[in-house]
Amino acid sequence: AEGDIRISRVPCSPSPQCFSYRAADDPTLIIIDRG
């Protein structure tokens, strides 16, 4: 409602991924963003 968090979708070395989401209720649910 007030403010935001912005995460870059431009990968940086040495990792090919930008970020990932992990669900607390389902340990098998992992969503990876590689930009």
PDB file of all heavy atoms in Angstrom:
ATOM      1  N   ALA A   1       0.843  -1.196   0.000  1.00  0.00           N
ATOM      2  CA  ALA A   1       0.000   0.000   0.000  1.00  0.00           C
ATOM      3  C   ALA A   1       0.881   1.250   0.000  1.00  0.00           C
ATOM      4  O   ALA A   1       0.590   2.230  -0.681  1.00  0.00           O
ATOM      5  CB  ALA A   1      -0.939  -0.005   1.201  1.00  0.00           C
ATOM      6  N   GLU A   2       1.958   1.212   0.770  1.00  0.00           N
ATOM      7  CA  GLU A   2       2.939   2.296   0.781  1.00  0.00           C
ATOM      8  C   GLU A   2       4.326   1.683   0.649  1.00  0.00           C
ATOM      9  O   GLU A   2       4.776   0.992   1.545  1.00  0.00           O
ATOM     10  CB  GLU A   2       2.858   3.092   2.071  1.00  0.00           C
ATOM     11  CG  GLU A   2       1.566   3.846   2.255  1.00  0.00           C
ATOM     12  CD  GLU A   2       1.569   4.663   3.526  1.00  0.00           C
ATOM     13  OE1 GLU A   2       2.590   5.291   3.828  1.00  0.00           O
ATOM     14  OE2 GLU A   2       0.547   4.644   4.214  1.00  0.00           O
ATOM     15  N   GLY A   3       4.962   1.899  -0.476  1.00  0.00           N
ATOM     16  CA  GLY A   3       6.314   1.406  -0.679  1.00  0.00           C
ATOM     17  C   GLY A   3       6.381   0.152  -1.528  1.00  0.00           C
ATOM     18  O   GLY A   3       5.354  -0.400  -1.941  1.00  0.00           O
ATOM     19  N   ASP A   4       7.617  -0.288  -1.779  1.00  0.00           N
ATOM     20  CA  ASP A   4       7.817  -1.494  -2.584  1.00  0.00           C
ATOM     21  C   ASP A   4       9.218  -2.050  -2.369  1.00  0.00           C
ATOM     22  O   ASP A   4      10.077  -1.421  -1.771  1.00  0.00           O
ATOM     23  CB  ASP A   4       7.590  -1.215  -4.072  1.00  0.00           C
ATOM     24  CG  ASP A   4       8.540  -0.178  -4.664  1.00  0.00           C
ATOM     25  OD1 ASP A   4       9.593   0.086  -4.068  1.00  0.00           O
ATOM     26  OD2 ASP A   4       8.225   0.364  -5.732  1.00  0.00           O
ATOM     27  N   ILE A   5       9.395  -3.273  -2.838  1.00  0.00           N
ATOM     28  CA  ILE A   5      10.695  -3.918  -2.923  1.00  0.00           C
ATOM     29  C   ILE A   5      10.891  -4.235  -4.397  1.00  0.00           C
ATOM     30  O   ILE A   5      10.041  -4.870  -5.011  1.00  0.00           O
ATOM     31  CB  ILE A   5      10.751  -5.226  -2.111  1.00  0.00           C
ATOM     32  CG1 ILE A   5      10.575  -4.960  -0.624  1.00  0.00           C
ATOM     33  CG2 ILE A   5      12.067  -5.963  -2.381  1.00  0.00           C
ATOM     34  CD1 ILE A   5      10.457  -6.227   0.206  1.00  0.00           C
ATOM     35  N   ARG A   6      12.002  -3.771  -4.966  1.00  0.00           N
ATOM     36  CA  ARG A   6      12.300  -4.071  -6.363  1.00  0.00           C
ATOM     37  C   ARG A   6      13.576  -4.894  -6.419  1.00  0.00           C
ATOM     38  O   ARG A   6      14.595  -4.508  -5.875  1.00  0.00           O
ATOM     39  CB  ARG A   6      12.453  -2.784  -7.174  1.00  0.00           C
ATOM     40  CG  ARG A   6      11.154  -2.014  -7.239  1.00  0.00           C
ATOM     41  CD  ARG A   6      11.184  -0.792  -8.126  1.00  0.00           C
ATOM     42  NE  ARG A   6      12.439  -0.092  -8.113  1.00  0.00           N
ATOM     43  CZ  ARG A   6      12.951   0.535  -9.180  1.00  0.00           C
ATOM     44  NH1 ARG A   6      12.316   0.515 -10.331  1.00  0.00           N
ATOM     45  NH2 ARG A   6      14.093   1.186  -9.093  1.00  0.00           N
ATOM     46  N   ILE A   7      13.492  -6.055  -7.089  1.00  0.00           N
ATOM     47  CA  ILE A   7      14.625  -6.957  -7.251  1.00  0.00           C
ATOM     48  C   ILE A   7      14.978  -6.992  -8.730  1.00  0.00           C
ATOM     49  O   ILE A   7      14.122  -7.234  -9.570  1.00  0.00           O
ATOM     50  CB  ILE A   7      14.287  -8.376  -6.756  1.00  0.00           C
ATOM     51  CG1 ILE A   7      13.799  -8.345  -5.302  1.00  0.00           C
ATOM     52  CG2 ILE A   7      15.489  -9.305  -6.913  1.00  0.00           C
ATOM     53  CD1 ILE A   7      13.212  -9.655  -4.827  1.00  0.00           C
ATOM     54  N   SER A   8      16.239  -6.747  -9.014  1.00  0.00           N
ATOM     55  CA  SER A   8      16.677  -6.743 -10.406  1.00  0.00           C
ATOM     56  C   SER A   8      16.495  -8.119 -11.037  1.00  0.00           C
ATOM     57  O   SER A   8      16.732  -9.139 -10.408  1.00  0.00           O
ATOM     58  CB  SER A   8      18.152  -6.342 -10.486  1.00  0.00           C
ATOM     59  OG  SER A   8      18.621  -6.457 -11.813  1.00  0.00           O
ATOM     60  N   ARG A   9      16.073  -8.116 -12.302  1.00  0.00           N
ATOM     61  CA  ARG A   9      15.952  -9.360 -13.063  1.00  0.00           C
ATOM     62  C   ARG A   9      17.118  -9.516 -14.030  1.00  0.00           C
ATOM     63  O   ARG A   9      17.067 -10.290 -14.966  1.00  0.00           O
ATOM     64  CB  ARG A   9      14.633  -9.385 -13.828  1.00  0.00           C
ATOM     65  CG  ARG A   9      13.431  -9.421 -12.884  1.00  0.00           C
ATOM     66  CD  ARG A   9      12.124  -9.660 -13.610  1.00  0.00           C
ATOM     67  NE  ARG A   9      12.105 -11.038 -14.075  1.00  0.00           N
ATOM     68  CZ  ARG A   9      11.795 -11.393 -15.324  1.00  0.00           C
ATOM     69  NH1 ARG A   9      11.492 -10.508 -16.217  1.00  0.00           N
ATOM     70  NH2 ARG A   9      11.798 -12.662 -15.664  1.00  0.00           N
ATOM     71  N   VAL A  10      18.206  -8.761 -13.785  1.00  0.00           N
ATOM     72  CA  VAL A  10      19.409  -8.859 -14.597  1.00  0.00           C
ATOM     73  C   VAL A  10      20.414  -9.688 -13.811  1.00  0.00           C
ATOM     74  O   VAL A  10      20.929  -9.241 -12.794  1.00  0.00           O
ATOM     75  CB  VAL A  10      19.981  -7.461 -14.916  1.00  0.00           C
ATOM     76  CG1 VAL A  10      21.244  -7.578 -15.740  1.00  0.00           C
ATOM     77  CG2 VAL A  10      18.935  -6.606 -15.620  1.00  0.00           C
ATOM     78  N   PRO A  11      20.676 -10.922 -14.213  1.00  0.00           N
ATOM     79  CA  PRO A  11      21.578 -11.791 -13.450  1.00  0.00           C
ATOM     80  C   PRO A  11      22.999 -11.246 -13.392  1.00  0.00           C
ATOM     81  O   PRO A  11      23.453 -10.581 -14.308  1.00  0.00           O
ATOM     82  CB  PRO A  11      21.548 -13.118 -14.192  1.00  0.00           C
ATOM     83  CG  PRO A  11      20.603 -12.981 -15.306  1.00  0.00           C
ATOM     84  CD  PRO A  11      20.172 -11.561 -15.413  1.00  0.00           C
ATOM     85  N   CYS A  12      23.670 -11.520 -12.283  1.00  0.00           N
ATOM     86  CA  CYS A  12      25.064 -11.110 -12.093  1.00  0.00           C
ATOM     87  C   CYS A  12      25.906 -12.355 -11.848  1.00  0.00           C
ATOM     88  O   CYS A  12      25.455 -13.306 -11.229  1.00  0.00           O
ATOM     89  CB  CYS A  12      25.190 -10.192 -10.882  1.00  0.00           C
ATOM     90  SG  CYS A  12      24.295  -8.657 -11.061  1.00  0.00           S
ATOM     91  N   SER A  13      27.120 -12.310 -12.317  1.00  0.00           N
ATOM     92  CA  SER A  13      28.043 -13.419 -12.089  1.00  0.00           C
ATOM     93  C   SER A  13      28.393 -13.468 -10.614  1.00  0.00           C
ATOM     94  O   SER A  13      28.456 -12.435  -9.973  1.00  0.00           O
ATOM     95  CB  SER A  13      29.288 -13.169 -12.932  1.00  0.00           C
ATOM     96  OG  SER A  13      30.213 -14.188 -12.740  1.00  0.00           O
ATOM     97  N   PRO A  14      28.588 -14.609 -10.009  1.00  0.00           N
ATOM     98  CA  PRO A  14      28.714 -15.933 -10.587  1.00  0.00           C
ATOM     99  C   PRO A  14      27.399 -16.721 -10.608  1.00  0.00           C
ATOM    100  O   PRO A  14      27.411 -17.887 -10.937  1.00  0.00           O
ATOM    101  CB  PRO A  14      29.718 -16.607  -9.663  1.00  0.00           C
ATOM    102  CG  PRO A  14      29.467 -16.003  -8.337  1.00  0.00           C
ATOM    103  CD  PRO A  14      29.051 -14.583  -8.625  1.00  0.00           C
ATOM    104  N   SER A  15      26.272 -16.108 -10.238  1.00  0.00           N
ATOM    105  CA  SER A  15      25.012 -16.848 -10.205  1.00  0.00           C
ATOM    106  C   SER A  15      24.191 -16.586 -11.461  1.00  0.00           C
ATOM    107  O   SER A  15      24.000 -15.433 -11.839  1.00  0.00           O
ATOM    108  CB  SER A  15      24.184 -16.451  -8.985  1.00  0.00           C
ATOM    109  OG  SER A  15      22.945 -17.107  -9.011  1.00  0.00           O
ATOM    110  N   PRO A  16      23.657 -17.620 -12.097  1.00  0.00           N
ATOM    111  CA  PRO A  16      22.815 -17.410 -13.266  1.00  0.00           C
ATOM    112  C   PRO A  16      21.376 -17.026 -12.896  1.00  0.00           C
ATOM    113  O   PRO A  16      20.604 -16.668 -13.745  1.00  0.00           O
ATOM    114  CB  PRO A  16      22.841 -18.772 -13.961  1.00  0.00           C
ATOM    115  CG  PRO A  16      23.027 -19.739 -12.838  1.00  0.00           C
ATOM    116  CD  PRO A  16      23.902 -19.030 -11.836  1.00  0.00           C
ATOM    117  N   GLN A  17      21.039 -17.104 -11.614  1.00  0.00           N
ATOM    118  CA  GLN A  17      19.672 -16.767 -11.204  1.00  0.00           C
ATOM    119  C   GLN A  17      19.650 -15.423 -10.492  1.00  0.00           C
ATOM    120  O   GLN A  17      20.636 -14.990  -9.928  1.00  0.00           O
ATOM    121  CB  GLN A  17      19.082 -17.828 -10.291  1.00  0.00           C
ATOM    122  CG  GLN A  17      19.716 -17.890  -8.908  1.00  0.00           C
ATOM    123  CD  GLN A  17      19.162 -19.033  -8.079  1.00  0.00           C
ATOM    124  OE1 GLN A  17      18.917 -20.108  -8.592  1.00  0.00           O
ATOM    125  NE2 GLN A  17      18.990 -18.797  -6.811  1.00  0.00           N
ATOM    126  N   CYS A  18      18.504 -14.744 -10.550  1.00  0.00           N
ATOM    127  CA  CYS A  18      18.332 -13.464  -9.872  1.00  0.00           C
ATOM    128  C   CYS A  18      17.766 -13.688  -8.477  1.00  0.00           C
ATOM    129  O   CYS A  18      18.243 -13.136  -7.499  1.00  0.00           O
ATOM    130  CB  CYS A  18      17.400 -12.576 -10.660  1.00  0.00           C
ATOM    131  SG  CYS A  18      18.027 -12.171 -12.299  1.00  0.00           S
ATOM    132  N   PHE A  19      16.710 -14.491  -8.415  1.00  0.00           N
ATOM    133  CA  PHE A  19      16.100 -14.804  -7.129  1.00  0.00           C
ATOM    134  C   PHE A  19      15.263 -16.057  -7.259  1.00  0.00           C
ATOM    135  O   PHE A  19      14.984 -16.526  -8.350  1.00  0.00           O
ATOM    136  CB  PHE A  19      15.251 -13.634  -6.600  1.00  0.00           C
ATOM    137  CG  PHE A  19      14.060 -13.297  -7.462  1.00  0.00           C
ATOM    138  CD1 PHE A  19      12.835 -13.900  -7.230  1.00  0.00           C
ATOM    139  CD2 PHE A  19      14.159 -12.378  -8.480  1.00  0.00           C
ATOM    140  CE1 PHE A  19      11.738 -13.595  -8.013  1.00  0.00           C
ATOM    141  CE2 PHE A  19      13.071 -12.056  -9.268  1.00  0.00           C
ATOM    142  CZ  PHE A  19      11.852 -12.672  -9.027  1.00  0.00           C
ATOM    143  N   SER A  20      14.867 -16.602  -6.115  1.00  0.00           N
ATOM    144  CA  SER A  20      13.988 -17.765  -6.112  1.00  0.00           C
ATOM    145  C   SER A  20      12.943 -17.600  -5.028  1.00  0.00           C
ATOM    146  O   SER A  20      13.151 -16.892  -4.048  1.00  0.00           O
ATOM    147  CB  SER A  20      14.777 -19.061  -5.886  1.00  0.00           C
ATOM    148  OG  SER A  20      15.410 -19.033  -4.622  1.00  0.00           O
ATOM    149  N   TYR A  21      11.793 -18.239  -5.231  1.00  0.00           N
ATOM    150  CA  TYR A  21      10.719 -18.261  -4.238  1.00  0.00           C
ATOM    151  C   TYR A  21      10.616 -19.673  -3.700  1.00  0.00           C
ATOM    152  O   TYR A  21      10.617 -20.633  -4.470  1.00  0.00           O
ATOM    153  CB  TYR A  21       9.379 -17.850  -4.859  1.00  0.00           C
ATOM    154  CG  TYR A  21       8.217 -18.043  -3.906  1.00  0.00           C
ATOM    155  CD1 TYR A  21       7.902 -17.064  -2.976  1.00  0.00           C
ATOM    156  CD2 TYR A  21       7.486 -19.214  -3.902  1.00  0.00           C
ATOM    157  CE1 TYR A  21       6.867 -17.248  -2.081  1.00  0.00           C
ATOM    158  CE2 TYR A  21       6.445 -19.413  -3.009  1.00  0.00           C
ATOM    159  CZ  TYR A  21       6.137 -18.430  -2.105  1.00  0.00           C
ATOM    160  OH  TYR A  21       5.116 -18.622  -1.204  1.00  0.00           O
ATOM    161  N   ARG A  22      10.516 -19.807  -2.385  1.00  0.00           N
ATOM    162  CA  ARG A  22      10.330 -21.113  -1.752  1.00  0.00           C
ATOM    163  C   ARG A  22       9.100 -21.048  -0.863  1.00  0.00           C
ATOM    164  O   ARG A  22       8.996 -20.172  -0.014  1.00  0.00           O
ATOM    165  CB  ARG A  22      11.550 -21.490  -0.921  1.00  0.00           C
ATOM    166  CG  ARG A  22      12.801 -21.664  -1.749  1.00  0.00           C
ATOM    167  CD  ARG A  22      14.017 -21.943  -0.887  1.00  0.00           C
ATOM    168  NE  ARG A  22      15.225 -21.914  -1.677  1.00  0.00           N
ATOM    169  CZ  ARG A  22      15.769 -22.974  -2.248  1.00  0.00           C
ATOM    170  NH1 ARG A  22      15.232 -24.150  -2.111  1.00  0.00           N
ATOM    171  NH2 ARG A  22      16.867 -22.853  -2.959  1.00  0.00           N
ATOM    172  N   ALA A  23       8.190 -21.982  -1.055  1.00  0.00           N
ATOM    173  CA  ALA A  23       6.960 -22.014  -0.265  1.00  0.00           C
ATOM    174  C   ALA A  23       7.211 -22.680   1.080  1.00  0.00           C
ATOM    175  O   ALA A  23       7.906 -23.690   1.157  1.00  0.00           O
ATOM    176  CB  ALA A  23       5.875 -22.778  -1.021  1.00  0.00           C
ATOM    177  N   ALA A  24       6.642 -22.106   2.128  1.00  0.00           N
ATOM    178  CA  ALA A  24       6.793 -22.676   3.467  1.00  0.00           C
ATOM    179  C   ALA A  24       5.929 -23.923   3.635  1.00  0.00           C
ATOM    180  O   ALA A  24       6.312 -24.861   4.318  1.00  0.00           O
ATOM    181  CB  ALA A  24       6.419 -21.639   4.525  1.00  0.00           C
ATOM    182  N   ASP A  25       4.766 -23.935   2.984  1.00  0.00           N
ATOM    183  CA  ASP A  25       3.834 -25.047   3.160  1.00  0.00           C
ATOM    184  C   ASP A  25       4.073 -26.211   2.198  1.00  0.00           C
ATOM    185  O   ASP A  25       3.470 -27.261   2.328  1.00  0.00           O
ATOM    186  CB  ASP A  25       2.390 -24.553   3.036  1.00  0.00           C
ATOM    187  CG  ASP A  25       2.097 -23.951   1.673  1.00  0.00           C
ATOM    188  OD1 ASP A  25       3.047 -23.659   0.917  1.00  0.00           O
ATOM    189  OD2 ASP A  25       0.903 -23.758   1.360  1.00  0.00           O
ATOM    190  N   ASP A  26       4.947 -26.012   1.215  1.00  0.00           N
ATOM    191  CA  ASP A  26       5.225 -27.057   0.237  1.00  0.00           C
ATOM    192  C   ASP A  26       6.703 -26.996  -0.138  1.00  0.00           C
ATOM    193  O   ASP A  26       7.102 -26.247  -1.025  1.00  0.00           O
ATOM    194  CB  ASP A  26       4.361 -26.858  -1.010  1.00  0.00           C
ATOM    195  CG  ASP A  26       4.565 -27.941  -2.050  1.00  0.00           C
ATOM    196  OD1 ASP A  26       5.404 -28.849  -1.834  1.00  0.00           O
ATOM    197  OD2 ASP A  26       3.889 -27.885  -3.095  1.00  0.00           O
ATOM    198  N   PRO A  27       7.559 -27.770   0.545  1.00  0.00           N
ATOM    199  CA  PRO A  27       9.002 -27.699   0.294  1.00  0.00           C
ATOM    200  C   PRO A  27       9.412 -28.067  -1.130  1.00  0.00           C
ATOM    201  O   PRO A  27      10.530 -27.784  -1.541  1.00  0.00           O
ATOM    202  CB  PRO A  27       9.594 -28.673   1.309  1.00  0.00           C
ATOM    203  CG  PRO A  27       8.476 -29.490   1.816  1.00  0.00           C
ATOM    204  CD  PRO A  27       7.203 -28.756   1.552  1.00  0.00           C
ATOM    205  N   THR A  28       8.510 -28.679  -1.885  1.00  0.00           N
ATOM    206  CA  THR A  28       8.851 -29.024  -3.270  1.00  0.00           C
ATOM    207  C   THR A  28       8.600 -27.859  -4.226  1.00  0.00           C
ATOM    208  O   THR A  28       9.017 -27.919  -5.373  1.00  0.00           O
ATOM    209  CB  THR A  28       8.035 -30.245  -3.736  1.00  0.00           C
ATOM    210  OG1 THR A  28       6.642 -29.913  -3.746  1.00  0.00           O
ATOM    211  CG2 THR A  28       8.301 -31.440  -2.852  1.00  0.00           C
ATOM    212  N   LEU A  29       7.923 -26.797  -3.748  1.00  0.00           N
ATOM    213  CA  LEU A  29       7.624 -25.659  -4.611  1.00  0.00           C
ATOM    214  C   LEU A  29       8.748 -24.636  -4.551  1.00  0.00           C
ATOM    215  O   LEU A  29       8.915 -23.921  -3.564  1.00  0.00           O
ATOM    216  CB  LEU A  29       6.304 -24.987  -4.226  1.00  0.00           C
ATOM    217  CG  LEU A  29       5.925 -23.762  -5.059  1.00  0.00           C
ATOM    218  CD1 LEU A  29       5.770 -24.132  -6.521  1.00  0.00           C
ATOM    219  CD2 LEU A  29       4.680 -23.115  -4.528  1.00  0.00           C
ATOM    220  N   ILE A  30       9.542 -24.596  -5.604  1.00  0.00           N
ATOM    221  CA  ILE A  30      10.626 -23.621  -5.737  1.00  0.00           C
ATOM    222  C   ILE A  30      10.490 -23.004  -7.126  1.00  0.00           C
ATOM    223  O   ILE A  30      10.458 -23.711  -8.133  1.00  0.00           O
ATOM    224  CB  ILE A  30      12.017 -24.280  -5.591  1.00  0.00           C
ATOM    225  CG1 ILE A  30      12.149 -24.945  -4.220  1.00  0.00           C
ATOM    226  CG2 ILE A  30      13.111 -23.247  -5.817  1.00  0.00           C
ATOM    227  CD1 ILE A  30      13.406 -25.784  -4.068  1.00  0.00           C
ATOM    228  N   ILE A  31      10.384 -21.667  -7.165  1.00  0.00           N
ATOM    229  CA  ILE A  31      10.265 -20.955  -8.435  1.00  0.00           C
ATOM    230  C   ILE A  31      11.525 -20.104  -8.591  1.00  0.00           C
ATOM    231  O   ILE A  31      11.836 -19.293  -7.729  1.00  0.00           O
ATOM    232  CB  ILE A  31       9.005 -20.063  -8.450  1.00  0.00           C
ATOM    233  CG1 ILE A  31       7.752 -20.907  -8.182  1.00  0.00           C
ATOM    234  CG2 ILE A  31       8.892 -19.324  -9.784  1.00  0.00           C
ATOM    235  CD1 ILE A  31       6.505 -20.105  -7.894  1.00  0.00           C
ATOM    236  N   ILE A  32      12.253 -20.310  -9.686  1.00  0.00           N
ATOM    237  CA  ILE A  32      13.514 -19.603  -9.914  1.00  0.00           C
ATOM    238  C   ILE A  32      13.347 -18.596 -11.036  1.00  0.00           C
ATOM    239  O   ILE A  32      12.796 -18.909 -12.095  1.00  0.00           O
ATOM    240  CB  ILE A  32      14.641 -20.599 -10.270  1.00  0.00           C
ATOM    241  CG1 ILE A  32      14.879 -21.549  -9.089  1.00  0.00           C
ATOM    242  CG2 ILE A  32      15.924 -19.868 -10.649  1.00  0.00           C
ATOM    243  CD1 ILE A  32      15.855 -22.666  -9.369  1.00  0.00           C
ATOM    244  N   ASP A  33      13.811 -17.353 -10.799  1.00  0.00           N
ATOM    245  CA  ASP A  33      13.784 -16.312 -11.825  1.00  0.00           C
ATOM    246  C   ASP A  33      15.200 -16.089 -12.327  1.00  0.00           C
ATOM    247  O   ASP A  33      16.095 -15.757 -11.544  1.00  0.00           O
ATOM    248  CB  ASP A  33      13.218 -15.006 -11.251  1.00  0.00           C
ATOM    249  CG  ASP A  33      12.986 -13.982 -12.342  1.00  0.00           C
ATOM    250  OD1 ASP A  33      13.980 -13.523 -12.930  1.00  0.00           O
ATOM    251  OD2 ASP A  33      11.823 -13.633 -12.612  1.00  0.00           O
ATOM    252  N   ARG A  34      15.396 -16.297 -13.605  1.00  0.00           N
ATOM    253  CA  ARG A  34      16.723 -16.111 -14.221  1.00  0.00           C
ATOM    254  C   ARG A  34      16.751 -14.871 -15.110  1.00  0.00           C
ATOM    255  O   ARG A  34      17.635 -14.710 -15.928  1.00  0.00           O
ATOM    256  CB  ARG A  34      17.091 -17.346 -15.031  1.00  0.00           C
ATOM    257  CG  ARG A  34      17.374 -18.551 -14.156  1.00  0.00           C
ATOM    258  CD  ARG A  34      17.887 -19.726 -14.990  1.00  0.00           C
ATOM    259  NE  ARG A  34      18.330 -20.793 -14.125  1.00  0.00           N
ATOM    260  CZ  ARG A  34      17.570 -21.786 -13.705  1.00  0.00           C
ATOM    261  NH1 ARG A  34      16.298 -21.825 -14.062  1.00  0.00           N
ATOM    262  NH2 ARG A  34      18.060 -22.727 -12.926  1.00  0.00           N
ATOM    263  N   GLY A  35      15.722 -14.022 -14.974  1.00  0.00           N
ATOM    264  CA  GLY A  35      15.680 -12.804 -15.773  1.00  0.00           C
ATOM    265  C   GLY A  35      15.156 -13.019 -17.178  1.00  0.00           C
ATOM    266  O   GLY A  35      15.269 -12.171 -18.027  1.00  0.00           O
TER     267      GLY A  35
END
